[in-house]
Amino acid sequence: MNQNLVIYGIGRYAEYVAYAFQEDSQFNVSAFCIEDKLHTSDKINDKPLIKFSELTQTYNPKEYSIFIAVGNNHIRHRIYQQAQKYGYEFPNYISSQCRKWNNLKVGSNSFIDEGCVLQPFVEVGNNCILFTTDIGHHSKIENHSLMSGAKTGGNVVIGKFSYIGLNASIKQNIRIGENSMIGMNCNIEKDTEINSVYTHRGTIKRNIDASVLGNRFLK
């Protein structure tokens, strides 16, 4: 695979991805690109910013790889498909600081950050994002999914296009249906259906003045 890399995206996630590749991989970030309607400048983070429709004119797929750094699963999938048609290859980023085993299987264009723990026999599909997530043994993360600060037991399947939020916990042997949204702090103990949305009620604001409470307990 070509070691010269173009990053698709202009947001904070794209900046993070570029930094991770540059500092913790064999790839050299050469430029950024974005859809034409979002292109408002010729540079970003001291790198060229190219219109996606014109990318192949300057950054030949035979000489450059691309990484799609977009948080929205469906948009990331659409751009991934278009870049495939252009003929680009997609590296993965797997942090050297994450905890993993040698039999980890990862597709393409997937991002696994330094806070992840992946037990043996884990499979991560194409175009996935894993932030600070613990994945139990024999689990499978299907294509185009995003997990952030979540934890699974063993033998869990995360259906494609799913979002799993901060501190969500998924019991062993569970299947999360395709295109599910599991919100922050949710505990999932049964299989979910396709297109399911789960939310936690969240923290309650108490009718107490913090300054009064502090004076009582912090003397």
C-alpha atoms as a PDB file:
ATOM      1  CA  MET A   1       0.000   0.000   0.000  1.00  0.00           C
ATOM      2  CA  ASN A   2       1.181   3.533  -0.785  1.00  0.00           C
ATOM      3  CA  GLN A   3       2.684   5.272   2.246  1.00  0.00           C
ATOM      4  CA  ASN A   4       1.625   8.750   1.091  1.00  0.00           C
ATOM      5  CA  LEU A   5      -1.767   9.478   2.606  1.00  0.00           C
ATOM      6  CA  VAL A   6      -4.638  11.868   1.952  1.00  0.00           C
ATOM      7  CA  ILE A   7      -7.152  12.463   4.754  1.00  0.00           C
ATOM      8  CA  TYR A   8     -10.793  13.058   3.817  1.00  0.00           C
ATOM      9  CA  GLY A   9     -12.326  15.463   6.342  1.00  0.00           C
ATOM     10  CA  ILE A  10     -11.849  18.915   7.864  1.00  0.00           C
ATOM     11  CA  GLY A  11     -13.211  18.474  11.395  1.00  0.00           C
ATOM     12  CA  ARG A  12     -11.568  17.730  14.732  1.00  0.00           C
ATOM     13  CA  TYR A  13     -11.723  13.991  14.084  1.00  0.00           C
ATOM     14  CA  ALA A  14      -9.831  14.462  10.805  1.00  0.00           C
ATOM     15  CA  GLU A  15      -7.202  16.509  12.638  1.00  0.00           C
ATOM     16  CA  TYR A  16      -6.880  13.742  15.243  1.00  0.00           C
ATOM     17  CA  VAL A  17      -6.582  11.064  12.550  1.00  0.00           C
ATOM     18  CA  ALA A  18      -3.910  12.995  10.671  1.00  0.00           C
ATOM     19  CA  TYR A  19      -1.890  13.502  13.848  1.00  0.00           C
ATOM     20  CA  ALA A  20      -2.166   9.816  14.785  1.00  0.00           C
ATOM     21  CA  PHE A  21      -1.032   8.614  11.359  1.00  0.00           C
ATOM     22  CA  GLN A  22       1.812  11.117  11.235  1.00  0.00           C
ATOM     23  CA  GLU A  23       3.125  10.352  14.723  1.00  0.00           C
ATOM     24  CA  ASP A  24       2.340   6.653  15.080  1.00  0.00           C
ATOM     25  CA  SER A  25       2.498   4.931  11.696  1.00  0.00           C
ATOM     26  CA  GLN A  26       4.627   4.533   8.597  1.00  0.00           C
ATOM     27  CA  PHE A  27       2.310   6.826   6.620  1.00  0.00           C
ATOM     28  CA  ASN A  28       3.052  10.409   5.639  1.00  0.00           C
ATOM     29  CA  VAL A  29       0.038  12.740   5.554  1.00  0.00           C
ATOM     30  CA  SER A  30       0.329  14.720   2.320  1.00  0.00           C
ATOM     31  CA  ALA A  31      -3.005  16.542   2.065  1.00  0.00           C
ATOM     32  CA  PHE A  32      -6.643  16.788   3.102  1.00  0.00           C
ATOM     33  CA  CYS A  33      -9.707  16.679   0.867  1.00  0.00           C
ATOM     34  CA  ILE A  34     -13.409  17.428   1.239  1.00  0.00           C
ATOM     35  CA  GLU A  35     -16.586  17.502  -0.840  1.00  0.00           C
ATOM     36  CA  ASP A  36     -16.768  20.467  -3.181  1.00  0.00           C
ATOM     37  CA  LYS A  37     -19.671  22.148  -1.364  1.00  0.00           C
ATOM     38  CA  LEU A  38     -17.628  22.236   1.867  1.00  0.00           C
ATOM     39  CA  HIS A  39     -14.399  23.442   0.279  1.00  0.00           C
ATOM     40  CA  THR A  40     -13.794  27.028   1.431  1.00  0.00           C
ATOM     41  CA  SER A  41     -10.000  27.180   1.648  1.00  0.00           C
ATOM     42  CA  ASP A  42      -6.943  25.805  -0.123  1.00  0.00           C
ATOM     43  CA  LYS A  43      -5.108  24.820   3.070  1.00  0.00           C
ATOM     44  CA  ILE A  44      -5.856  23.231   6.431  1.00  0.00           C
ATOM     45  CA  ASN A  45      -3.421  22.404   9.228  1.00  0.00           C
ATOM     46  CA  ASP A  46      -0.583  23.593   6.964  1.00  0.00           C
ATOM     47  CA  LYS A  47      -1.504  20.990   4.326  1.00  0.00           C
ATOM     48  CA  PRO A  48      -3.209  21.396   0.935  1.00  0.00           C
ATOM     49  CA  LEU A  49      -7.003  21.055   0.997  1.00  0.00           C
ATOM     50  CA  ILE A  50      -8.314  19.595  -2.263  1.00  0.00           C
ATOM     51  CA  LYS A  51     -11.825  19.309  -3.672  1.00  0.00           C
ATOM     52  CA  PHE A  52     -12.802  15.644  -3.565  1.00  0.00           C
ATOM     53  CA  SER A  53     -14.021  15.690  -7.173  1.00  0.00           C
ATOM     54  CA  GLU A  54     -10.559  16.860  -8.294  1.00  0.00           C
ATOM     55  CA  LEU A  55      -8.496  14.646  -6.008  1.00  0.00           C
ATOM     56  CA  THR A  56      -7.321  12.116  -8.602  1.00  0.00           C
ATOM     57  CA  GLN A  57      -5.934  14.910 -10.792  1.00  0.00           C
ATOM     58  CA  THR A  58      -3.257  15.759  -8.225  1.00  0.00           C
ATOM     59  CA  TYR A  59      -3.091  12.718  -5.942  1.00  0.00           C
ATOM     60  CA  ASN A  60      -3.034   9.665  -8.177  1.00  0.00           C
ATOM     61  CA  PRO A  61      -4.547   6.529  -6.571  1.00  0.00           C
ATOM     62  CA  LYS A  62      -1.484   4.613  -7.754  1.00  0.00           C
ATOM     63  CA  GLU A  63       0.718   6.855  -5.609  1.00  0.00           C
ATOM     64  CA  TYR A  64      -1.520   7.814  -2.666  1.00  0.00           C
ATOM     65  CA  SER A  65      -3.817   6.072  -0.199  1.00  0.00           C
ATOM     66  CA  ILE A  66      -6.796   7.719   1.489  1.00  0.00           C
ATOM     67  CA  PHE A  67      -8.406   7.587   4.924  1.00  0.00           C
ATOM     68  CA  ILE A  68     -12.012   8.741   5.387  1.00  0.00           C
ATOM     69  CA  ALA A  69     -12.157  10.658   8.688  1.00  0.00           C
ATOM     70  CA  VAL A  70     -15.851  11.429   9.165  1.00  0.00           C
ATOM     71  CA  GLY A  71     -17.847  10.546  12.273  1.00  0.00           C
ATOM     72  CA  ASN A  72     -21.259  10.077  10.619  1.00  0.00           C
ATOM     73  CA  ASN A  73     -21.493   6.393   9.656  1.00  0.00           C
ATOM     74  CA  HIS A  74     -23.623   6.855   6.547  1.00  0.00           C
ATOM     75  CA  ILE A  75     -21.647   9.789   5.170  1.00  0.00           C
ATOM     76  CA  ARG A  76     -18.407   7.905   5.843  1.00  0.00           C
ATOM     77  CA  HIS A  77     -19.829   4.918   3.955  1.00  0.00           C
ATOM     78  CA  ARG A  78     -20.830   7.069   0.972  1.00  0.00           C
ATOM     79  CA  ILE A  79     -17.402   8.697   0.694  1.00  0.00           C
ATOM     80  CA  TYR A  80     -15.702   5.324   1.216  1.00  0.00           C
ATOM     81  CA  GLN A  81     -17.634   3.883  -1.732  1.00  0.00           C
ATOM     82  CA  GLN A  82     -16.788   6.855  -3.952  1.00  0.00           C
ATOM     83  CA  ALA A  83     -13.098   6.670  -3.070  1.00  0.00           C
ATOM     84  CA  GLN A  84     -13.178   2.965  -3.946  1.00  0.00           C
ATOM     85  CA  LYS A  85     -14.541   3.879  -7.379  1.00  0.00           C
ATOM     86  CA  TYR A  86     -11.664   6.344  -7.774  1.00  0.00           C
ATOM     87  CA  GLY A  87      -9.294   3.419  -7.181  1.00  0.00           C
ATOM     88  CA  TYR A  88      -7.845   4.343  -3.780  1.00  0.00           C
ATOM     89  CA  GLU A  89      -6.649   1.916  -1.129  1.00  0.00           C
ATOM     90  CA  PHE A  90      -7.501   2.475   2.546  1.00  0.00           C
ATOM     91  CA  PRO A  91      -5.115   1.892   5.452  1.00  0.00           C
ATOM     92  CA  ASN A  92      -6.192   1.189   9.006  1.00  0.00           C
ATOM     93  CA  TYR A  93      -4.921   3.083  11.987  1.00  0.00           C
ATOM     94  CA  ILE A  94      -4.329   0.804  14.978  1.00  0.00           C
ATOM     95  CA  SER A  95      -2.589   2.647  17.779  1.00  0.00           C
ATOM     96  CA  SER A  96       0.675   1.155  18.965  1.00  0.00           C
ATOM     97  CA  GLN A  97      -0.563   1.916  22.484  1.00  0.00           C
ATOM     98  CA  CYS A  98      -3.822  -0.049  22.339  1.00  0.00           C
ATOM     99  CA  ARG A  99      -3.993  -3.541  23.843  1.00  0.00           C
ATOM    100  CA  LYS A 100      -4.640  -6.245  21.257  1.00  0.00           C
ATOM    101  CA  TRP A 101      -3.724  -9.797  20.290  1.00  0.00           C
ATOM    102  CA  ASN A 102      -2.011 -11.061  17.155  1.00  0.00           C
ATOM    103  CA  ASN A 103      -5.172 -12.728  15.826  1.00  0.00           C
ATOM    104  CA  LEU A 104      -7.087  -9.439  15.616  1.00  0.00           C
ATOM    105  CA  LYS A 105      -8.741  -9.082  12.190  1.00  0.00           C
ATOM    106  CA  VAL A 106      -9.435  -5.598  10.802  1.00  0.00           C
ATOM    107  CA  GLY A 107     -10.899  -4.619   7.422  1.00  0.00           C
ATOM    108  CA  SER A 108      -9.932  -1.291   5.849  1.00  0.00           C
ATOM    109  CA  ASN A 109     -10.325   2.384   6.774  1.00  0.00           C
ATOM    110  CA  SER A 110     -10.857   1.523  10.438  1.00  0.00           C
ATOM    111  CA  PHE A 111      -9.538   3.609  13.335  1.00  0.00           C
ATOM    112  CA  ILE A 112      -8.635   2.028  16.685  1.00  0.00           C
ATOM    113  CA  ASP A 113      -7.264   4.490  19.212  1.00  0.00           C
ATOM    114  CA  GLU A 114      -4.813   4.195  22.085  1.00  0.00           C
ATOM    115  CA  GLY A 115      -7.488   3.572  24.726  1.00  0.00           C
ATOM    116  CA  CYS A 116      -8.909   0.401  23.177  1.00  0.00           C
ATOM    117  CA  VAL A 117      -8.611  -3.108  24.597  1.00  0.00           C
ATOM    118  CA  LEU A 118      -9.369  -5.946  22.182  1.00  0.00           C
ATOM    119  CA  GLN A 119      -9.383  -9.512  23.469  1.00  0.00           C
ATOM    120  CA  PRO A 120      -8.472 -12.551  21.319  1.00  0.00           C
ATOM    121  CA  PHE A 121     -10.542 -13.521  18.259  1.00  0.00           C
ATOM    122  CA  VAL A 122     -12.006 -10.049  17.722  1.00  0.00           C
ATOM    123  CA  GLU A 123     -12.999  -8.950  14.208  1.00  0.00           C
ATOM    124  CA  VAL A 124     -13.430  -5.313  13.187  1.00  0.00           C
ATOM    125  CA  GLY A 125     -14.967  -4.660   9.777  1.00  0.00           C
ATOM    126  CA  ASN A 126     -14.407  -1.972   7.181  1.00  0.00           C
ATOM    127  CA  ASN A 127     -14.752   1.726   7.910  1.00  0.00           C
ATOM    128  CA  CYS A 128     -15.217   1.459  11.688  1.00  0.00           C
ATOM    129  CA  ILE A 129     -14.235   3.858  14.476  1.00  0.00           C
ATOM    130  CA  LEU A 130     -13.308   2.647  17.966  1.00  0.00           C
ATOM    131  CA  PHE A 131     -12.543   5.235  20.635  1.00  0.00           C
ATOM    132  CA  THR A 132     -11.419   3.999  24.078  1.00  0.00           C
ATOM    133  CA  THR A 133     -13.539   0.862  23.791  1.00  0.00           C
ATOM    134  CA  ASP A 134     -13.165  -2.607  25.346  1.00  0.00           C
ATOM    135  CA  ILE A 135     -14.179  -5.484  23.068  1.00  0.00           C
ATOM    136  CA  GLY A 136     -14.669  -8.970  24.516  1.00  0.00           C
ATOM    137  CA  HIS A 137     -13.276 -12.133  22.944  1.00  0.00           C
ATOM    138  CA  HIS A 138     -14.880 -13.581  19.792  1.00  0.00           C
ATOM    139  CA  SER A 139     -16.807 -10.358  19.190  1.00  0.00           C
ATOM    140  CA  LYS A 140     -17.419  -8.850  15.764  1.00  0.00           C
ATOM    141  CA  ILE A 141     -17.862  -5.186  14.864  1.00  0.00           C
ATOM    142  CA  GLU A 142     -19.562  -5.042  11.484  1.00  0.00           C
ATOM    143  CA  ASN A 143     -18.855  -2.465   8.773  1.00  0.00           C
ATOM    144  CA  HIS A 144     -19.378   1.293   9.146  1.00  0.00           C
ATOM    145  CA  SER A 145     -19.950   1.297  12.918  1.00  0.00           C
ATOM    146  CA  LEU A 146     -18.747   3.686  15.625  1.00  0.00           C
ATOM    147  CA  MET A 147     -18.094   2.839  19.277  1.00  0.00           C
ATOM    148  CA  SER A 148     -16.938   5.407  21.820  1.00  0.00           C
ATOM    149  CA  GLY A 149     -16.021   4.520  25.388  1.00  0.00           C
ATOM    150  CA  ALA A 150     -18.149   1.365  25.304  1.00  0.00           C
ATOM    151  CA  LYS A 151     -17.607  -2.130  26.679  1.00  0.00           C
ATOM    152  CA  THR A 152     -18.783  -5.522  25.434  1.00  0.00           C
ATOM    153  CA  GLY A 153     -18.703  -9.006  26.863  1.00  0.00           C
ATOM    154  CA  GLY A 154     -17.513 -11.922  24.778  1.00  0.00           C
ATOM    155  CA  ASN A 155     -19.168 -13.170  21.579  1.00  0.00           C
ATOM    156  CA  VAL A 156     -21.026  -9.923  20.850  1.00  0.00           C
ATOM    157  CA  VAL A 157     -21.976  -8.780  17.343  1.00  0.00           C
ATOM    158  CA  ILE A 158     -22.378  -5.077  16.603  1.00  0.00           C
ATOM    159  CA  GLY A 159     -24.515  -4.757  13.474  1.00  0.00           C
ATOM    160  CA  LYS A 160     -23.329  -2.533  10.649  1.00  0.00           C
ATOM    161  CA  PHE A 161     -23.971   1.230  10.765  1.00  0.00           C
ATOM    162  CA  SER A 162     -24.450   1.145  14.555  1.00  0.00           C
ATOM    163  CA  TYR A 163     -23.484   3.811  17.092  1.00  0.00           C
ATOM    164  CA  ILE A 164     -22.519   2.732  20.611  1.00  0.00           C
ATOM    165  CA  GLY A 165     -22.126   5.620  23.062  1.00  0.00           C
ATOM    166  CA  LEU A 166     -19.968   6.466  26.056  1.00  0.00           C
ATOM    167  CA  ASN A 167     -20.068   3.979  28.945  1.00  0.00           C
ATOM    168  CA  ALA A 168     -22.591   1.738  27.196  1.00  0.00           C
ATOM    169  CA  SER A 169     -22.252  -1.898  28.291  1.00  0.00           C
ATOM    170  CA  ILE A 170     -23.311  -4.892  26.220  1.00  0.00           C
ATOM    171  CA  LYS A 171     -23.708  -8.306  27.823  1.00  0.00           C
ATOM    172  CA  GLN A 172     -21.981 -11.368  26.372  1.00  0.00           C
ATOM    173  CA  ASN A 173     -23.615 -13.283  23.490  1.00  0.00           C
ATOM    174  CA  ILE A 174     -25.718 -10.281  22.419  1.00  0.00           C
ATOM    175  CA  ARG A 175     -26.377  -9.144  18.860  1.00  0.00           C
ATOM    176  CA  ILE A 176     -26.939  -5.441  18.242  1.00  0.00           C
ATOM    177  CA  GLY A 177     -29.199  -5.020  15.216  1.00  0.00           C
ATOM    178  CA  GLU A 178     -28.054  -3.132  12.149  1.00  0.00           C
ATOM    179  CA  ASN A 179     -28.243   0.671  12.324  1.00  0.00           C
ATOM    180  CA  SER A 180     -28.892   0.718  16.071  1.00  0.00           C
ATOM    181  CA  MET A 181     -28.134   3.667  18.329  1.00  0.00           C
ATOM    182  CA  ILE A 182     -27.148   2.729  21.882  1.00  0.00           C
ATOM    183  CA  GLY A 183     -26.874   5.887  23.949  1.00  0.00           C
ATOM    184  CA  MET A 184     -24.507   6.864  26.724  1.00  0.00           C
ATOM    185  CA  ASN A 185     -24.667   4.736  29.906  1.00  0.00           C
ATOM    186  CA  CYS A 186     -27.098   2.174  28.452  1.00  0.00           C
ATOM    187  CA  ASN A 187     -26.909  -1.461  29.590  1.00  0.00           C
ATOM    188  CA  ILE A 188     -27.963  -3.945  26.905  1.00  0.00           C
ATOM    189  CA  GLU A 189     -28.871  -7.443  28.106  1.00  0.00           C
ATOM    190  CA  LYS A 190     -30.977  -8.673  25.159  1.00  0.00           C
ATOM    191  CA  ASP A 191     -30.577  -8.677  21.380  1.00  0.00           C
ATOM    192  CA  THR A 192     -31.739  -5.463  19.731  1.00  0.00           C
ATOM    193  CA  GLU A 193     -33.808  -5.125  16.579  1.00  0.00           C
ATOM    194  CA  ILE A 194     -32.713  -3.322  13.422  1.00  0.00           C
ATOM    195  CA  ASN A 195     -32.944   0.495  13.666  1.00  0.00           C
ATOM    196  CA  SER A 196     -33.389   0.406  17.456  1.00  0.00           C
ATOM    197  CA  VAL A 197     -32.661   3.451  19.611  1.00  0.00           C
ATOM    198  CA  TYR A 198     -31.831   3.098  23.309  1.00  0.00           C
ATOM    199  CA  THR A 199     -31.298   6.028  25.662  1.00  0.00           C
ATOM    200  CA  HIS A 200     -30.545   6.468  29.343  1.00  0.00           C
ATOM    201  CA  ARG A 201     -32.548   8.986  31.372  1.00  0.00           C
ATOM    202  CA  GLY A 202     -29.359  10.747  32.354  1.00  0.00           C
ATOM    203  CA  THR A 203     -28.250  12.578  35.463  1.00  0.00           C
ATOM    204  CA  ILE A 204     -30.890  14.505  37.390  1.00  0.00           C
ATOM    205  CA  LYS A 205     -30.303  18.148  38.326  1.00  0.00           C
ATOM    206  CA  ARG A 206     -31.015  18.483  42.036  1.00  0.00           C
ATOM    207  CA  ASN A 207     -32.769  21.511  43.517  1.00  0.00           C
ATOM    208  CA  ILE A 208     -29.787  22.359  45.720  1.00  0.00           C
ATOM    209  CA  ASP A 209     -27.478  25.380  45.696  1.00  0.00           C
ATOM    210  CA  ALA A 210     -23.912  24.085  45.227  1.00  0.00           C
ATOM    211  CA  SER A 211     -22.394  26.956  47.197  1.00  0.00           C
ATOM    212  CA  VAL A 212     -24.518  26.079  50.225  1.00  0.00           C
ATOM    213  CA  LEU A 213     -23.727  22.386  49.873  1.00  0.00           C
ATOM    214  CA  GLY A 214     -20.019  23.121  49.586  1.00  0.00           C
ATOM    215  CA  ASN A 215     -20.048  25.236  52.723  1.00  0.00           C
ATOM    216  CA  ARG A 216     -21.632  22.361  54.635  1.00  0.00           C
ATOM    217  CA  PHE A 217     -19.198  19.624  53.625  1.00  0.00           C
ATOM    218  CA  LEU A 218     -15.935  21.380  52.759  1.00  0.00           C
ATOM    219  CA  LYS A 219     -15.174  23.202  56.010  1.00  0.00           C
END
